[in-house]
Each structure stands twice: as C-alpha cells, then as structure tokens.
Amino acid sequence: MADIKYYDVILKPVITEKSMSVMGEKRYTFLVHPDANKAQIKEAVEKMFEGTKVRKVNTLNLDGKKRRRGMNVGRTAKTKKAMVFLTEDSKDIEIFEGL
C-alpha cells in the first residue's frame, strides 16, 4: 500500500448529469486515487473542504477499457470513483456552486 497524503487522494470531481442532480441531497462524486480506501477519502474531503462532515463513502473500481491501434492492443488506465454522502448539518462543497 502506497503512502498517500490527503491532498493526493481526490483527483477531480465527476461532472455528469446524474451526479449533478443528486447534489441537492448532499451527495458528491469524485475520481480518487486507485489505492485510496474509504477512511482516506473521508479524511481528504473533511480536510480539503472546511465545514464538511462525511456521513459515508461508497467506492467503485473501474477497470481500464481495451483499446486498439492497428494490431497493437492495450488498456486505458484503471480508475476509482467515490460517492461521498455529507451529513445534514454539513456545509456544501463550494467547487460545485456555480455549476
């Protein structure tokens, strides 16, 4: 297991129609480091976004897709998604405000 700091855990937010529709329920989706566990994701969200309290974290591992270029076959990088549920008294995450 790699030594991952909290600022390396969250890579970027997932901006899709479905993830934007559930933001009113204080549910946010992020692409995270593939080796990060749920405790590290919870710690990273609470440290990076002041005033947030995480209720639970669901994770989803996505394998890379198979791609071809001529006869050469390879795979894209594997990724990991995290759905973060905040408590009712928690502040909203500001990066999603203008979207």
PDB file of N, CA and C in Angstrom:
ATOM      1  N   MET A   1       0.848  -1.185   0.000  1.00  0.00           N
ATOM      2  CA  MET A   1       0.000   0.000   0.000  1.00  0.00           C
ATOM      3  C   MET A   1       0.885   1.236   0.000  1.00  0.00           C
ATOM      4  N   ALA A   2       0.624   2.117  -0.890  1.00  0.00           N
ATOM      5  CA  ALA A   2       1.414   3.338  -1.014  1.00  0.00           C
ATOM      6  C   ALA A   2       1.028   4.325   0.080  1.00  0.00           C
ATOM      7  N   ASP A   3       1.989   5.144   0.486  1.00  0.00           N
ATOM      8  CA  ASP A   3       1.726   6.189   1.472  1.00  0.00           C
ATOM      9  C   ASP A   3       1.136   7.384   0.735  1.00  0.00           C
ATOM     10  N   ILE A   4      -0.197   7.548   0.844  1.00  0.00           N
ATOM     11  CA  ILE A   4      -0.916   8.587   0.110  1.00  0.00           C
ATOM     12  C   ILE A   4      -1.290   9.689   1.080  1.00  0.00           C
ATOM     13  N   LYS A   5      -0.932  10.916   0.769  1.00  0.00           N
ATOM     14  CA  LYS A   5      -1.319  12.069   1.577  1.00  0.00           C
ATOM     15  C   LYS A   5      -2.737  12.482   1.201  1.00  0.00           C
ATOM     16  N   TYR A   6      -3.393  13.226   2.088  1.00  0.00           N
ATOM     17  CA  TYR A   6      -4.804  13.566   1.861  1.00  0.00           C
ATOM     18  C   TYR A   6      -4.998  14.428   0.621  1.00  0.00           C
ATOM     19  N   TYR A   7      -4.013  15.237   0.259  1.00  0.00           N
ATOM     20  CA  TYR A   7      -4.152  16.097  -0.917  1.00  0.00           C
ATOM     21  C   TYR A   7      -3.904  15.344  -2.220  1.00  0.00           C
ATOM     22  N   ASP A   8      -3.441  14.098  -2.148  1.00  0.00           N
ATOM     23  CA  ASP A   8      -3.261  13.271  -3.341  1.00  0.00           C
ATOM     24  C   ASP A   8      -4.441  12.342  -3.589  1.00  0.00           C
ATOM     25  N   VAL A   9      -5.377  12.258  -2.649  1.00  0.00           N
ATOM     26  CA  VAL A   9      -6.463  11.283  -2.747  1.00  0.00           C
ATOM     27  C   VAL A   9      -7.482  11.709  -3.790  1.00  0.00           C
ATOM     28  N   ILE A  10      -8.006  12.927  -3.699  1.00  0.00           N
ATOM     29  CA  ILE A  10      -9.039  13.387  -4.629  1.00  0.00           C
ATOM     30  C   ILE A  10      -8.374  13.932  -5.885  1.00  0.00           C
ATOM     31  N   LEU A  11      -8.685  13.338  -7.039  1.00  0.00           N
ATOM     32  CA  LEU A  11      -8.092  13.769  -8.300  1.00  0.00           C
ATOM     33  C   LEU A  11      -8.920  14.860  -8.965  1.00  0.00           C
ATOM     34  N   LYS A  12     -10.229  14.620  -9.136  1.00  0.00           N
ATOM     35  CA  LYS A  12     -11.103  15.626  -9.734  1.00  0.00           C
ATOM     36  C   LYS A  12     -12.552  15.253  -9.489  1.00  0.00           C
ATOM     37  N   PRO A  13     -13.451  16.226  -9.547  1.00  0.00           N
ATOM     38  CA  PRO A  13     -14.872  15.903  -9.390  1.00  0.00           C
ATOM     39  C   PRO A  13     -15.439  15.316 -10.677  1.00  0.00           C
ATOM     40  N   VAL A  14     -16.465  14.520 -10.531  1.00  0.00           N
ATOM     41  CA  VAL A  14     -17.162  13.938 -11.678  1.00  0.00           C
ATOM     42  C   VAL A  14     -18.347  14.843 -11.989  1.00  0.00           C
ATOM     43  N   ILE A  15     -18.365  15.410 -13.198  1.00  0.00           N
ATOM     44  CA  ILE A  15     -19.420  16.331 -13.612  1.00  0.00           C
ATOM     45  C   ILE A  15     -20.268  15.629 -14.671  1.00  0.00           C
ATOM     46  N   THR A  16     -21.327  14.976 -14.234  1.00  0.00           N
ATOM     47  CA  THR A  16     -22.268  14.343 -15.144  1.00  0.00           C
ATOM     48  C   THR A  16     -23.674  14.791 -14.765  1.00  0.00           C
ATOM     49  N   GLU A  17     -24.621  14.507 -15.616  1.00  0.00           N
ATOM     50  CA  GLU A  17     -25.994  14.912 -15.347  1.00  0.00           C
ATOM     51  C   GLU A  17     -26.533  14.223 -14.090  1.00  0.00           C
ATOM     52  N   LYS A  18     -26.218  12.963 -13.927  1.00  0.00           N
ATOM     53  CA  LYS A  18     -26.702  12.227 -12.763  1.00  0.00           C
ATOM     54  C   LYS A  18     -26.038  12.712 -11.470  1.00  0.00           C
ATOM     55  N   SER A  19     -24.725  12.942 -11.507  1.00  0.00           N
ATOM     56  CA  SER A  19     -24.042  13.400 -10.289  1.00  0.00           C
ATOM     57  C   SER A  19     -24.471  14.812  -9.908  1.00  0.00           C
ATOM     58  N   MET A  20     -24.804  15.642 -10.887  1.00  0.00           N
ATOM     59  CA  MET A  20     -25.252  16.999 -10.581  1.00  0.00           C
ATOM     60  C   MET A  20     -26.672  17.000 -10.009  1.00  0.00           C
ATOM     61  N   SER A  21     -27.496  16.038 -10.398  1.00  0.00           N
ATOM     62  CA  SER A  21     -28.876  16.016  -9.916  1.00  0.00           C
ATOM     63  C   SER A  21     -28.980  15.584  -8.457  1.00  0.00           C
ATOM     64  N   VAL A  22     -28.028  14.822  -7.954  1.00  0.00           N
ATOM     65  CA  VAL A  22     -28.088  14.369  -6.559  1.00  0.00           C
ATOM     66  C   VAL A  22     -27.310  15.269  -5.602  1.00  0.00           C
ATOM     67  N   MET A  23     -26.760  16.372  -6.109  1.00  0.00           N
ATOM     68  CA  MET A  23     -26.027  17.285  -5.228  1.00  0.00           C
ATOM     69  C   MET A  23     -26.937  17.963  -4.221  1.00  0.00           C
ATOM     70  N   GLY A  24     -28.216  18.120  -4.515  1.00  0.00           N
ATOM     71  CA  GLY A  24     -29.157  18.696  -3.567  1.00  0.00           C
ATOM     72  C   GLY A  24     -29.353  17.823  -2.340  1.00  0.00           C
ATOM     73  N   GLU A  25     -29.051  16.539  -2.484  1.00  0.00           N
ATOM     74  CA  GLU A  25     -29.142  15.596  -1.365  1.00  0.00           C
ATOM     75  C   GLU A  25     -27.823  15.479  -0.623  1.00  0.00           C
ATOM     76  N   LYS A  26     -26.881  16.404  -0.900  1.00  0.00           N
ATOM     77  CA  LYS A  26     -25.533  16.416  -0.306  1.00  0.00           C
ATOM     78  C   LYS A  26     -24.785  15.123  -0.609  1.00  0.00           C
ATOM     79  N   ARG A  27     -24.797  14.765  -1.883  1.00  0.00           N
ATOM     80  CA  ARG A  27     -24.078  13.587  -2.370  1.00  0.00           C
ATOM     81  C   ARG A  27     -23.183  14.038  -3.518  1.00  0.00           C
ATOM     82  N   TYR A  28     -21.879  13.850  -3.375  1.00  0.00           N
ATOM     83  CA  TYR A  28     -20.902  14.331  -4.347  1.00  0.00           C
ATOM     84  C   TYR A  28     -20.079  13.159  -4.866  1.00  0.00           C
ATOM     85  N   THR A  29     -19.658  13.245  -6.123  1.00  0.00           N
ATOM     86  CA  THR A  29     -18.901  12.174  -6.762  1.00  0.00           C
ATOM     87  C   THR A  29     -17.530  12.713  -7.181  1.00  0.00           C
ATOM     88  N   PHE A  30     -16.487  11.951  -6.862  1.00  0.00           N
ATOM     89  CA  PHE A  30     -15.113  12.328  -7.179  1.00  0.00           C
ATOM     90  C   PHE A  30     -14.385  11.153  -7.803  1.00  0.00           C
ATOM     91  N   LEU A  31     -13.420  11.455  -8.687  1.00  0.00           N
ATOM     92  CA  LEU A  31     -12.437  10.466  -9.098  1.00  0.00           C
ATOM     93  C   LEU A  31     -11.325  10.513  -8.062  1.00  0.00           C
ATOM     94  N   VAL A  32     -10.938   9.362  -7.537  1.00  0.00           N
ATOM     95  CA  VAL A  32      -9.953   9.314  -6.466  1.00  0.00           C
ATOM     96  C   VAL A  32      -8.791   8.410  -6.866  1.00  0.00           C
ATOM     97  N   HIS A  33      -7.741   8.454  -6.081  1.00  0.00           N
ATOM     98  CA  HIS A  33      -6.561   7.626  -6.302  1.00  0.00           C
ATOM     99  C   HIS A  33      -6.966   6.153  -6.209  1.00  0.00           C
ATOM    100  N   PRO A  34      -6.515   5.293  -7.135  1.00  0.00           N
ATOM    101  CA  PRO A  34      -6.957   3.891  -7.129  1.00  0.00           C
ATOM    102  C   PRO A  34      -6.576   3.113  -5.871  1.00  0.00           C
ATOM    103  N   ASP A  35      -5.556   3.548  -5.137  1.00  0.00           N
ATOM    104  CA  ASP A  35      -5.135   2.836  -3.929  1.00  0.00           C
ATOM    105  C   ASP A  35      -5.743   3.405  -2.656  1.00  0.00           C
ATOM    106  N   ALA A  36      -6.555   4.454  -2.761  1.00  0.00           N
ATOM    107  CA  ALA A  36      -7.136   5.083  -1.572  1.00  0.00           C
ATOM    108  C   ALA A  36      -8.286   4.239  -1.038  1.00  0.00           C
ATOM    109  N   ASN A  37      -8.383   4.161   0.301  1.00  0.00           N
ATOM    110  CA  ASN A  37      -9.511   3.446   0.904  1.00  0.00           C
ATOM    111  C   ASN A  37     -10.546   4.450   1.401  1.00  0.00           C
ATOM    112  N   LYS A  38     -11.654   3.947   1.952  1.00  0.00           N
ATOM    113  CA  LYS A  38     -12.760   4.809   2.341  1.00  0.00           C
ATOM    114  C   LYS A  38     -12.377   5.763   3.459  1.00  0.00           C
ATOM    115  N   ALA A  39     -11.564   5.316   4.404  1.00  0.00           N
ATOM    116  CA  ALA A  39     -11.138   6.182   5.510  1.00  0.00           C
ATOM    117  C   ALA A  39     -10.278   7.334   4.998  1.00  0.00           C
ATOM    118  N   GLN A  40      -9.401   7.064   4.043  1.00  0.00           N
ATOM    119  CA  GLN A  40      -8.562   8.118   3.467  1.00  0.00           C
ATOM    120  C   GLN A  40      -9.394   9.110   2.670  1.00  0.00           C
ATOM    121  N   ILE A  41     -10.407   8.633   1.968  1.00  0.00           N
ATOM    122  CA  ILE A  41     -11.277   9.520   1.192  1.00  0.00           C
ATOM    123  C   ILE A  41     -12.065  10.425   2.121  1.00  0.00           C
ATOM    124  N   LYS A  42     -12.582   9.871   3.204  1.00  0.00           N
ATOM    125  CA  LYS A  42     -13.332  10.658   4.184  1.00  0.00           C
ATOM    126  C   LYS A  42     -12.443  11.738   4.797  1.00  0.00           C
ATOM    127  N   GLU A  43     -11.231  11.371   5.177  1.00  0.00           N
ATOM    128  CA  GLU A  43     -10.294  12.329   5.760  1.00  0.00           C
ATOM    129  C   GLU A  43      -9.947  13.435   4.767  1.00  0.00           C
ATOM    130  N   ALA A  44      -9.742  13.072   3.502  1.00  0.00           N
ATOM    131  CA  ALA A  44      -9.367  14.055   2.484  1.00  0.00           C
ATOM    132  C   ALA A  44     -10.485  15.061   2.245  1.00  0.00           C
ATOM    133  N   VAL A  45     -11.727  14.610   2.182  1.00  0.00           N
ATOM    134  CA  VAL A  45     -12.851  15.526   1.942  1.00  0.00           C
ATOM    135  C   VAL A  45     -13.016  16.474   3.131  1.00  0.00           C
ATOM    136  N   GLU A  46     -12.904  15.954   4.347  1.00  0.00           N
ATOM    137  CA  GLU A  46     -13.088  16.796   5.526  1.00  0.00           C
ATOM    138  C   GLU A  46     -11.955  17.801   5.695  1.00  0.00           C
ATOM    139  N   LYS A  47     -10.733  17.449   5.271  1.00  0.00           N
ATOM    140  CA  LYS A  47      -9.611  18.387   5.385  1.00  0.00           C
ATOM    141  C   LYS A  47      -9.590  19.406   4.249  1.00  0.00           C
ATOM    142  N   MET A  48      -9.941  18.994   3.043  1.00  0.00           N
ATOM    143  CA  MET A  48      -9.849  19.894   1.894  1.00  0.00           C
ATOM    144  C   MET A  48     -10.994  20.891   1.839  1.00  0.00           C
ATOM    145  N   PHE A  49     -12.161  20.501   2.293  1.00  0.00           N
ATOM    146  CA  PHE A  49     -13.336  21.370   2.246  1.00  0.00           C
ATOM    147  C   PHE A  49     -13.779  21.646   3.680  1.00  0.00           C
ATOM    148  N   GLU A  50     -13.489  22.856   4.171  1.00  0.00           N
ATOM    149  CA  GLU A  50     -13.760  23.222   5.558  1.00  0.00           C
ATOM    150  C   GLU A  50     -15.252  23.189   5.850  1.00  0.00           C
ATOM    151  N   GLY A  51     -15.614  22.669   7.015  1.00  0.00           N
ATOM    152  CA  GLY A  51     -17.006  22.653   7.447  1.00  0.00           C
ATOM    153  C   GLY A  51     -17.810  21.464   6.955  1.00  0.00           C
ATOM    154  N   THR A  52     -17.177  20.539   6.228  1.00  0.00           N
ATOM    155  CA  THR A  52     -17.902  19.368   5.752  1.00  0.00           C
ATOM    156  C   THR A  52     -17.716  18.221   6.731  1.00  0.00           C
ATOM    157  N   LYS A  53     -18.784  17.449   6.902  1.00  0.00           N
ATOM    158  CA  LYS A  53     -18.746  16.237   7.724  1.00  0.00           C
ATOM    159  C   LYS A  53     -19.290  15.094   6.873  1.00  0.00           C
ATOM    160  N   VAL A  54     -18.485  14.079   6.689  1.00  0.00           N
ATOM    161  CA  VAL A  54     -18.855  12.965   5.817  1.00  0.00           C
ATOM    162  C   VAL A  54     -19.632  11.927   6.618  1.00  0.00           C
ATOM    163  N   ARG A  55     -20.805  11.547   6.103  1.00  0.00           N
ATOM    164  CA  ARG A  55     -21.616  10.507   6.738  1.00  0.00           C
ATOM    165  C   ARG A  55     -21.147   9.128   6.302  1.00  0.00           C
ATOM    166  N   LYS A  56     -20.991   8.926   4.973  1.00  0.00           N
ATOM    167  CA  LYS A  56     -20.484   7.650   4.469  1.00  0.00           C
ATOM    168  C   LYS A  56     -19.873   7.849   3.090  1.00  0.00           C
ATOM    169  N   VAL A  57     -19.098   6.850   2.682  1.00  0.00           N
ATOM    170  CA  VAL A  57     -18.407   6.868   1.392  1.00  0.00           C
ATOM    171  C   VAL A  57     -18.655   5.535   0.699  1.00  0.00           C
ATOM    172  N   ASN A  58     -19.099   5.580  -0.541  1.00  0.00           N
ATOM    173  CA  ASN A  58     -19.209   4.390  -1.387  1.00  0.00           C
ATOM    174  C   ASN A  58     -18.150   4.501  -2.475  1.00  0.00           C
ATOM    175  N   THR A  59     -17.474   3.402  -2.779  1.00  0.00           N
ATOM    176  CA  THR A  59     -16.438   3.421  -3.808  1.00  0.00           C
ATOM    177  C   THR A  59     -16.780   2.439  -4.915  1.00  0.00           C
ATOM    178  N   LEU A  60     -16.209   2.700  -6.079  1.00  0.00           N
ATOM    179  CA  LEU A  60     -16.454   1.899  -7.271  1.00  0.00           C
ATOM    180  C   LEU A  60     -15.163   1.820  -8.068  1.00  0.00           C
ATOM    181  N   ASN A  61     -14.641   0.602  -8.249  1.00  0.00           N
ATOM    182  CA  ASN A  61     -13.438   0.399  -9.050  1.00  0.00           C
ATOM    183  C   ASN A  61     -13.822   0.183 -10.500  1.00  0.00           C
ATOM    184  N   LEU A  62     -13.190   0.919 -11.400  1.00  0.00           N
ATOM    185  CA  LEU A  62     -13.451   0.799 -12.831  1.00  0.00           C
ATOM    186  C   LEU A  62     -12.178   0.314 -13.522  1.00  0.00           C
ATOM    187  N   ASP A  63     -12.256  -0.824 -14.201  1.00  0.00           N
ATOM    188  CA  ASP A  63     -11.117  -1.322 -14.959  1.00  0.00           C
ATOM    189  C   ASP A  63     -10.951  -0.503 -16.226  1.00  0.00           C
ATOM    190  N   GLY A  64      -9.741  -0.475 -16.749  1.00  0.00           N
ATOM    191  CA  GLY A  64      -9.486   0.244 -17.986  1.00  0.00           C
ATOM    192  C   GLY A  64     -10.144  -0.434 -19.176  1.00  0.00           C
ATOM    193  N   LYS A  65     -10.491   0.372 -20.167  1.00  0.00           N
ATOM    194  CA  LYS A  65     -11.118  -0.179 -21.364  1.00  0.00           C
ATOM    195  C   LYS A  65     -10.044  -0.697 -22.316  1.00  0.00           C
ATOM    196  N   LYS A  66     -10.412  -1.700 -23.100  1.00  0.00           N
ATOM    197  CA  LYS A  66      -9.493  -2.245 -24.088  1.00  0.00           C
ATOM    198  C   LYS A  66      -9.516  -1.349 -25.320  1.00  0.00           C
ATOM    199  N   ARG A  67      -8.357  -0.944 -25.780  1.00  0.00           N
ATOM    200  CA  ARG A  67      -8.235  -0.075 -26.957  1.00  0.00           C
ATOM    201  C   ARG A  67      -7.251  -0.699 -27.950  1.00  0.00           C
ATOM    202  N   ARG A  68      -7.534  -0.475 -29.241  1.00  0.00           N
ATOM    203  CA  ARG A  68      -6.666  -0.983 -30.300  1.00  0.00           C
ATOM    204  C   ARG A  68      -6.157   0.159 -31.142  1.00  0.00           C
ATOM    205  N   ARG A  69      -4.931   0.029 -31.574  1.00  0.00           N
ATOM    206  CA  ARG A  69      -4.367   0.946 -32.565  1.00  0.00           C
ATOM    207  C   ARG A  69      -3.634   0.063 -33.564  1.00  0.00           C
ATOM    208  N   GLY A  70      -4.335  -0.257 -34.648  1.00  0.00           N
ATOM    209  CA  GLY A  70      -3.786  -1.218 -35.602  1.00  0.00           C
ATOM    210  C   GLY A  70      -3.846  -2.609 -35.007  1.00  0.00           C
ATOM    211  N   MET A  71      -2.709  -3.282 -34.975  1.00  0.00           N
ATOM    212  CA  MET A  71      -2.671  -4.620 -34.398  1.00  0.00           C
ATOM    213  C   MET A  71      -2.322  -4.592 -32.915  1.00  0.00           C
ATOM    214  N   ASN A  72      -1.889  -3.463 -32.417  1.00  0.00           N
ATOM    215  CA  ASN A  72      -1.499  -3.377 -31.013  1.00  0.00           C
ATOM    216  C   ASN A  72      -2.734  -3.196 -30.134  1.00  0.00           C
ATOM    217  N   VAL A  73      -2.818  -3.987 -29.089  1.00  0.00           N
ATOM    218  CA  VAL A  73      -3.942  -3.926 -28.161  1.00  0.00           C
ATOM    219  C   VAL A  73      -3.406  -3.518 -26.807  1.00  0.00           C
ATOM    220  N   GLY A  74      -4.100  -2.577 -26.190  1.00  0.00           N
ATOM    221  CA  GLY A  74      -3.696  -2.134 -24.857  1.00  0.00           C
ATOM    222  C   GLY A  74      -4.913  -1.792 -24.032  1.00  0.00           C
ATOM    223  N   ARG A  75      -4.683  -1.260 -22.854  1.00  0.00           N
ATOM    224  CA  ARG A  75      -5.765  -0.879 -21.963  1.00  0.00           C
ATOM    225  C   ARG A  75      -5.542   0.553 -21.489  1.00  0.00           C
ATOM    226  N   THR A  76      -6.654   1.249 -21.242  1.00  0.00           N
ATOM    227  CA  THR A  76      -6.554   2.565 -20.630  1.00  0.00           C
ATOM    228  C   THR A  76      -6.350   2.377 -19.128  1.00  0.00           C
ATOM    229  N   ALA A  77      -6.056   3.440 -18.440  1.00  0.00           N
ATOM    230  CA  ALA A  77      -5.759   3.357 -17.015  1.00  0.00           C
ATOM    231  C   ALA A  77      -7.022   3.019 -16.222  1.00  0.00           C
ATOM    232  N   LYS A  78      -6.854   2.232 -15.162  1.00  0.00           N
ATOM    233  CA  LYS A  78      -7.993   1.945 -14.294  1.00  0.00           C
ATOM    234  C   LYS A  78      -8.224   3.138 -13.372  1.00  0.00           C
ATOM    235  N   THR A  79      -9.469   3.335 -12.983  1.00  0.00           N
ATOM    236  CA  THR A  79      -9.827   4.468 -12.148  1.00  0.00           C
ATOM    237  C   THR A  79     -10.691   4.002 -10.985  1.00  0.00           C
ATOM    238  N   LYS A  80     -10.928   4.918 -10.056  1.00  0.00           N
ATOM    239  CA  LYS A  80     -11.774   4.636  -8.908  1.00  0.00           C
ATOM    240  C   LYS A  80     -12.649   5.849  -8.658  1.00  0.00           C
ATOM    241  N   LYS A  81     -13.948   5.615  -8.469  1.00  0.00           N
ATOM    242  CA  LYS A  81     -14.889   6.684  -8.157  1.00  0.00           C
ATOM    243  C   LYS A  81     -15.293   6.565  -6.706  1.00  0.00           C
ATOM    244  N   ALA A  82     -15.584   7.708  -6.096  1.00  0.00           N
ATOM    245  CA  ALA A  82     -16.081   7.716  -4.723  1.00  0.00           C
ATOM    246  C   ALA A  82     -17.323   8.594  -4.663  1.00  0.00           C
ATOM    247  N   MET A  83     -18.401   8.043  -4.121  1.00  0.00           N
ATOM    248  CA  MET A  83     -19.607   8.808  -3.857  1.00  0.00           C
ATOM    249  C   MET A  83     -19.584   9.169  -2.375  1.00  0.00           C
ATOM    250  N   VAL A  84     -19.545  10.467  -2.090  1.00  0.00           N
ATOM    251  CA  VAL A  84     -19.408  10.957  -0.722  1.00  0.00           C
ATOM    252  C   VAL A  84     -20.746  11.520  -0.274  1.00  0.00           C
ATOM    253  N   PHE A  85     -21.271  11.013   0.823  1.00  0.00           N
ATOM    254  CA  PHE A  85     -22.522  11.478   1.410  1.00  0.00           C
ATOM    255  C   PHE A  85     -22.187  12.352   2.610  1.00  0.00           C
ATOM    256  N   LEU A  86     -22.682  13.590   2.625  1.00  0.00           N
ATOM    257  CA  LEU A  86     -22.441  14.500   3.742  1.00  0.00           C
ATOM    258  C   LEU A  86     -23.605  14.450   4.719  1.00  0.00           C
ATOM    259  N   THR A  87     -23.340  14.857   5.976  1.00  0.00           N
ATOM    260  CA  THR A  87     -24.397  14.904   6.979  1.00  0.00           C
ATOM    261  C   THR A  87     -25.305  16.096   6.702  1.00  0.00           C
ATOM    262  N   GLU A  88     -26.463  16.120   7.348  1.00  0.00           N
ATOM    263  CA  GLU A  88     -27.443  17.184   7.120  1.00  0.00           C
ATOM    264  C   GLU A  88     -26.945  18.549   7.594  1.00  0.00           C
ATOM    265  N   ASP A  89     -26.168  18.589   8.690  1.00  0.00           N
ATOM    266  CA  ASP A  89     -25.692  19.864   9.218  1.00  0.00           C
ATOM    267  C   ASP A  89     -24.364  20.296   8.606  1.00  0.00           C
ATOM    268  N   SER A  90     -23.882  19.578   7.613  1.00  0.00           N
ATOM    269  CA  SER A  90     -22.615  19.886   6.964  1.00  0.00           C
ATOM    270  C   SER A  90     -22.781  21.013   5.938  1.00  0.00           C
ATOM    271  N   LYS A  91     -21.687  21.749   5.724  1.00  0.00           N
ATOM    272  CA  LYS A  91     -21.682  22.765   4.672  1.00  0.00           C
ATOM    273  C   LYS A  91     -21.589  22.090   3.306  1.00  0.00           C
ATOM    274  N   ASP A  92     -22.075  22.781   2.273  1.00  0.00           N
ATOM    275  CA  ASP A  92     -21.937  22.277   0.911  1.00  0.00           C
ATOM    276  C   ASP A  92     -20.511  22.481   0.431  1.00  0.00           C
ATOM    277  N   ILE A  93     -20.114  21.736  -0.589  1.00  0.00           N
ATOM    278  CA  ILE A  93     -18.786  21.866  -1.167  1.00  0.00           C
ATOM    279  C   ILE A  93     -18.839  22.988  -2.201  1.00  0.00           C
ATOM    280  N   GLU A  94     -17.937  23.964  -2.090  1.00  0.00           N
ATOM    281  CA  GLU A  94     -18.013  25.191  -2.876  1.00  0.00           C
ATOM    282  C   GLU A  94     -17.675  25.026  -4.344  1.00  0.00           C
ATOM    283  N   ILE A  95     -16.897  24.008  -4.707  1.00  0.00           N
ATOM    284  CA  ILE A  95     -16.483  23.899  -6.117  1.00  0.00           C
ATOM    285  C   ILE A  95     -17.650  23.574  -7.030  1.00  0.00           C
ATOM    286  N   PHE A  96     -18.767  23.105  -6.468  1.00  0.00           N
ATOM    287  CA  PHE A  96     -19.921  22.760  -7.280  1.00  0.00           C
ATOM    288  C   PHE A  96     -20.962  23.881  -7.323  1.00  0.00           C
ATOM    289  N   GLU A  97     -20.710  25.003  -6.683  1.00  0.00           N
ATOM    290  CA  GLU A  97     -21.733  26.049  -6.538  1.00  0.00           C
ATOM    291  C   GLU A  97     -22.183  26.665  -7.865  1.00  0.00           C
ATOM    292  N   GLY A  98     -21.269  26.994  -8.766  1.00  0.00           N
ATOM    293  CA  GLY A  98     -21.622  27.697  -9.991  1.00  0.00           C
ATOM    294  C   GLY A  98     -22.067  26.790 -11.133  1.00  0.00           C
ATOM    295  N   LEU A  99     -22.163  25.505 -10.885  1.00  0.00           N
ATOM    296  CA  LEU A  99     -22.459  24.574 -11.981  1.00  0.00           C
ATOM    297  C   LEU A  99     -23.930  24.277 -12.104  1.00  0.00           C
TER     298      LEU A  99
END
